[in-house]
Protein backbone atom coordinates (compact mmCIF):
# COMPACT_ATOMS: atom_id res chain seq x y z
CA MET A 1 106.54 14.52 -36.43
CA VAL A 2 108.64 12.20 -38.56
CA ARG A 3 111.83 14.12 -37.75
CA LEU A 4 111.13 14.11 -34.01
CA ILE A 5 110.29 10.36 -34.00
CA ASP A 6 113.63 9.75 -35.73
CA GLU A 7 115.42 11.88 -33.15
CA ARG A 8 113.86 10.06 -30.23
CA THR A 9 114.69 6.73 -31.90
CA THR A 10 118.30 7.79 -32.12
CA ALA A 11 118.36 8.59 -28.40
CA PHE A 12 116.74 5.20 -27.59
CA ARG A 13 119.22 3.32 -29.73
CA ALA A 14 122.09 5.12 -27.95
CA VAL A 15 120.89 3.66 -24.65
CA ILE A 16 120.62 0.16 -26.02
CA ALA A 17 124.07 0.46 -27.57
CA SER A 18 125.76 1.51 -24.35
CA ALA A 19 123.73 -0.21 -21.57
CA PRO A 20 125.86 -2.46 -19.39
CA ASP A 21 123.16 -5.15 -19.29
CA LEU A 22 120.18 -5.59 -21.55
CA GLY A 23 118.63 -8.10 -19.13
CA VAL A 24 118.03 -5.46 -16.43
CA GLN A 25 114.44 -4.74 -15.43
CA VAL A 26 112.90 -1.43 -16.62
CA PRO A 27 111.62 0.30 -13.43
CA THR A 28 108.76 2.04 -15.17
CA CYS A 29 107.76 -1.10 -17.21
CA PRO A 30 108.50 -3.76 -14.56
CA ASP A 31 107.25 -6.65 -16.76
CA TRP A 32 110.02 -5.92 -19.27
CA THR A 33 113.74 -6.05 -19.42
CA LEU A 34 115.64 -3.48 -21.45
CA PHE A 35 115.91 -6.08 -24.22
CA GLU A 36 112.15 -6.65 -24.15
CA LEU A 37 111.53 -2.89 -24.26
CA ALA A 38 113.62 -2.73 -27.44
CA GLU A 39 111.65 -5.73 -28.77
CA HIS A 40 108.41 -3.88 -28.04
CA ILE A 41 109.66 -0.78 -29.88
CA GLY A 42 110.61 -2.77 -32.94
CA ALA A 43 107.62 -5.14 -33.23
CA GLY A 44 105.13 -2.40 -32.39
CA ARG A 45 106.44 0.02 -35.02
CA ARG A 46 106.35 -2.70 -37.68
CA ALA A 47 102.72 -3.42 -36.76
CA TRP A 48 101.81 0.29 -37.02
CA ALA A 49 103.54 0.44 -40.41
CA ALA A 50 101.23 -2.34 -41.61
CA THR A 51 98.19 -0.66 -40.03
CA VAL A 52 98.90 2.70 -41.70
CA LEU A 53 99.38 1.05 -45.10
CA ALA A 54 96.15 -0.98 -44.67
CA GLY A 55 94.19 2.30 -44.84
CA PRO A 56 90.75 3.23 -43.48
CA GLY A 57 89.07 -0.07 -44.33
CA ALA A 58 90.97 -2.06 -41.66
CA THR A 59 88.92 -3.22 -38.67
CA GLY A 60 91.80 -3.58 -36.27
CA ARG A 61 95.55 -3.06 -35.93
CA ALA A 62 97.24 -5.01 -38.69
CA SER A 63 99.78 -7.69 -37.98
CA ALA A 64 103.30 -7.03 -39.20
CA PRO A 65 104.53 -9.31 -42.00
CA ALA A 66 106.47 -12.25 -40.64
CA GLU A 67 109.88 -11.03 -39.52
CA PRO A 68 112.76 -12.66 -37.71
CA ALA A 69 112.64 -12.26 -33.93
CA ALA A 70 114.49 -9.38 -32.37
CA PRO A 71 118.16 -10.35 -32.46
CA ARG A 72 119.96 -10.94 -29.16
CA GLU A 73 123.29 -9.61 -30.34
CA ARG A 74 123.52 -5.93 -29.32
CA GLU A 75 124.63 -4.31 -32.55
CA ALA A 76 122.14 -6.29 -34.58
CA LEU A 77 119.35 -5.26 -32.09
CA VAL A 78 120.22 -1.63 -32.48
CA ASP A 79 120.05 -1.90 -36.22
CA TRP A 80 116.77 -3.86 -36.04
CA VAL A 81 115.12 -1.16 -33.95
CA ALA A 82 116.29 1.47 -36.45
CA ALA A 83 114.92 -0.51 -39.39
CA SER A 84 111.63 -1.14 -37.55
CA VAL A 85 111.02 2.52 -36.87
CA GLU A 86 112.11 3.48 -40.37
CA GLU A 87 109.53 1.03 -41.72
CA MET A 88 106.83 2.91 -39.82
CA LEU A 89 108.16 6.30 -40.88
CA GLY A 90 108.27 5.09 -44.52
CA ALA A 91 104.59 4.10 -44.28
CA LEU A 92 103.64 7.48 -42.83
CA ARG A 93 105.55 9.23 -45.61
CA THR A 94 103.90 7.12 -48.28
CA VAL A 95 100.25 7.64 -47.27
CA GLY A 96 100.50 11.27 -45.98
CA PRO A 97 98.97 12.69 -42.78
CA ASP A 98 95.36 12.88 -44.00
CA GLN A 99 94.78 9.28 -44.96
CA GLY A 100 92.41 7.45 -42.69
CA CYS A 101 93.47 4.30 -40.82
CA TRP A 102 92.38 2.21 -37.93
CA THR A 103 93.19 3.65 -34.44
CA TRP A 104 92.43 2.39 -31.03
CA TRP A 105 91.18 5.72 -29.69
CA GLY A 106 87.66 5.51 -31.04
CA ASP A 107 85.47 8.44 -30.01
CA SER A 108 88.27 10.61 -28.68
CA GLN A 109 88.99 14.16 -29.96
CA SER A 110 91.76 12.83 -32.18
CA PRO A 111 90.97 11.78 -35.75
CA SER A 112 91.58 8.27 -37.10
CA THR A 113 94.28 9.38 -39.57
CA ALA A 114 97.95 8.58 -40.29
CA GLY A 115 98.82 12.07 -39.01
CA ALA A 116 97.23 11.35 -35.62
CA VAL A 117 99.07 8.04 -35.49
CA ALA A 118 102.34 9.83 -36.08
CA ARG A 119 101.50 12.35 -33.37
CA HIS A 120 100.82 9.59 -30.82
CA GLN A 121 103.83 7.50 -31.90
CA LEU A 122 106.10 10.43 -31.18
CA GLN A 123 104.83 10.54 -27.60
CA GLU A 124 105.19 6.75 -27.19
CA MET A 125 108.75 6.84 -28.56
CA ALA A 126 109.63 9.75 -26.28
CA VAL A 127 108.30 8.15 -23.13
CA HIS A 128 109.96 4.76 -23.85
CA THR A 129 113.25 6.57 -24.50
CA TYR A 130 112.85 8.06 -21.01
CA ASP A 131 112.20 4.55 -19.68
CA ALA A 132 115.39 3.27 -21.24
CA GLN A 133 117.42 6.23 -19.93
CA LEU A 134 115.97 5.74 -16.44
CA THR A 135 116.93 2.09 -16.52
CA VAL A 136 120.61 2.93 -17.05
CA GLY A 137 120.52 5.72 -14.43
CA ALA A 138 120.56 8.64 -16.84
CA PRO A 139 116.98 9.92 -17.27
CA GLN A 140 116.62 13.14 -19.32
CA PRO A 141 113.58 15.47 -19.49
CA LEU A 142 111.54 14.99 -22.59
CA PRO A 143 112.32 17.65 -25.21
CA ASP A 144 110.12 20.76 -25.17
CA GLU A 145 109.33 20.41 -28.83
CA VAL A 146 107.80 17.02 -28.02
CA THR A 147 106.06 17.67 -24.74
CA LEU A 148 104.32 20.95 -25.46
CA ASP A 149 102.25 19.06 -28.02
CA GLY A 150 102.31 15.96 -25.85
CA VAL A 151 100.07 17.39 -23.18
CA ASP A 152 97.37 18.28 -25.75
CA GLU A 153 97.87 14.97 -27.58
CA PHE A 154 97.38 12.90 -24.40
CA LEU A 155 94.26 14.78 -23.31
CA SER A 156 92.62 14.66 -26.75
CA THR A 157 93.63 11.06 -27.54
CA CYS A 158 93.91 9.13 -24.35
CA VAL A 159 91.45 10.95 -22.03
CA ALA A 160 88.69 12.34 -24.27
CA THR A 161 85.77 9.93 -24.43
CA THR A 162 81.98 9.76 -24.50
CA SER A 163 82.03 7.20 -21.66
CA ALA A 164 80.43 8.61 -18.53
CA TRP A 165 82.64 9.90 -15.72
CA PRO A 166 81.36 7.96 -12.67
CA HIS A 167 81.62 10.81 -10.19
CA GLU A 168 80.23 14.31 -9.83
CA PRO A 169 81.15 16.67 -12.70
CA VAL A 170 84.58 18.18 -12.28
CA THR A 171 87.02 20.47 -14.07
CA ILE A 172 90.74 20.01 -13.89
CA ASP A 173 93.35 22.46 -15.27
CA PHE A 174 96.82 21.60 -16.41
CA HIS A 175 99.40 24.37 -16.55
CA THR A 176 102.91 24.14 -17.91
CA THR A 177 105.71 26.33 -16.51
CA GLU A 178 106.41 27.09 -20.21
CA GLY A 179 103.17 29.09 -20.29
CA ARG A 180 100.51 26.86 -21.85
CA SER A 181 97.32 25.61 -20.15
CA TRP A 182 94.47 23.16 -20.79
CA ARG A 183 91.17 22.47 -19.13
CA LEU A 184 89.60 19.01 -18.85
CA TRP A 185 85.82 18.67 -18.29
CA LEU A 186 84.60 15.36 -16.77
CA SER A 187 80.89 14.61 -16.50
CA ALA A 188 78.17 12.07 -17.37
CA ASP A 189 78.72 13.10 -21.00
CA GLY A 190 82.34 11.90 -20.86
CA ALA A 191 85.60 13.85 -20.99
CA ARG A 192 86.65 16.70 -23.24
CA SER A 193 89.59 19.09 -23.14
CA ALA A 194 90.51 22.43 -24.67
CA ALA A 195 93.62 24.58 -24.62
CA GLY A 196 93.66 27.95 -22.97
CA GLU A 197 93.03 29.80 -19.68
CA HIS A 198 89.54 30.03 -18.23
CA ALA A 199 88.08 32.77 -16.05
CA ASP A 200 86.34 30.45 -13.57
CA ALA A 201 88.34 28.47 -11.08
CA PRO A 202 88.71 24.69 -11.65
CA ASP A 203 87.99 22.04 -9.05
CA ALA A 204 91.63 21.03 -9.14
CA SER A 205 94.78 22.02 -11.03
CA VAL A 206 98.33 20.87 -11.52
CA ARG A 207 101.40 22.85 -12.62
CA GLY A 208 104.69 21.51 -13.82
CA THR A 209 107.00 21.44 -16.81
CA ALA A 210 105.47 20.03 -19.93
CA SER A 211 107.91 17.09 -19.59
CA ASP A 212 106.72 16.36 -16.08
CA LEU A 213 103.04 16.58 -17.10
CA VAL A 214 103.55 14.09 -19.95
CA LEU A 215 105.46 11.78 -17.64
CA PHE A 216 102.63 12.10 -15.07
CA PHE A 217 100.07 11.27 -17.73
CA TYR A 218 101.96 8.06 -18.58
CA ASP A 219 102.32 7.10 -14.91
CA ARG A 220 106.01 7.83 -14.78
CA LEU A 221 105.59 10.53 -12.11
CA ARG A 222 103.15 10.96 -9.29
CA PRO A 223 101.10 14.15 -9.17
CA GLU A 224 102.79 15.03 -5.81
CA SER A 225 105.94 15.69 -7.84
CA MET A 226 104.28 18.85 -9.17
CA ARG A 227 102.35 21.77 -7.71
CA LEU A 228 98.79 20.75 -6.93
CA GLU A 229 95.86 22.98 -6.01
CA GLY A 230 92.24 22.32 -5.20
CA ASP A 231 90.67 18.93 -4.57
CA ARG A 232 93.48 16.46 -4.81
CA ARG A 233 91.08 13.50 -4.75
CA GLN A 234 90.26 14.25 -8.36
CA PHE A 235 93.75 13.21 -9.49
CA ASP A 236 93.41 9.82 -7.76
CA ARG A 237 89.98 9.38 -9.44
CA LEU A 238 91.32 10.34 -12.83
CA ILE A 239 94.29 7.96 -12.49
CA ALA A 240 91.98 5.10 -11.37
CA TRP A 241 89.30 5.73 -14.08
CA ASP A 242 88.98 3.17 -16.86
CA PRO A 243 86.44 4.53 -19.41
CA SER A 244 86.27 1.12 -21.10
CA ALA A 245 85.16 -0.69 -17.97
């Protein structure tokens, strides 16, 4: 995970270093400019470094130690992003993957450990690198090594919950063209997922590359961009569902 986070950070920094204008709006994060996206990457990773080091006793995400604001000068900004991510990676290396720490995903299928934080941070770094590339007109598919785990990571971390699904029970299958599949069960008991094919037909299914599925999960692609089968209403319901409401 650490190696892949570092690789995605390098790709992100390359965009910042070469972008014609850091003040341009990011299409997939319309509240942010490219500079503000870089600022989010840096400040967020410093906060996660502090959270990981705080250990399992923390009751919320830790605040990063007071740091200078993200520099406006381009070269300094690129270096600041690199240092910010390295601070988080250093914290992850220090504590190891099994140490507990605060996470926001509560009763999901993912544990509250530094390893699970690293797993999710890889996906966040990969998606925001795509955001930056899209902003300068050069979007690239997310790397297979990232996205084949990313589908499972998203379903187990961001979807799995004990909050009741407010509709009739439903099953949705997700298939990658690379050959892996997952099933999501949604009911009054919440949402749970598992990898693998199932003999019975789902209520709905979607098929695409692993990169496209991850980008769909993070609202970067619409489901219509992929091959849909079954009851398509279920995708709109899933996108609209807020388990915390």
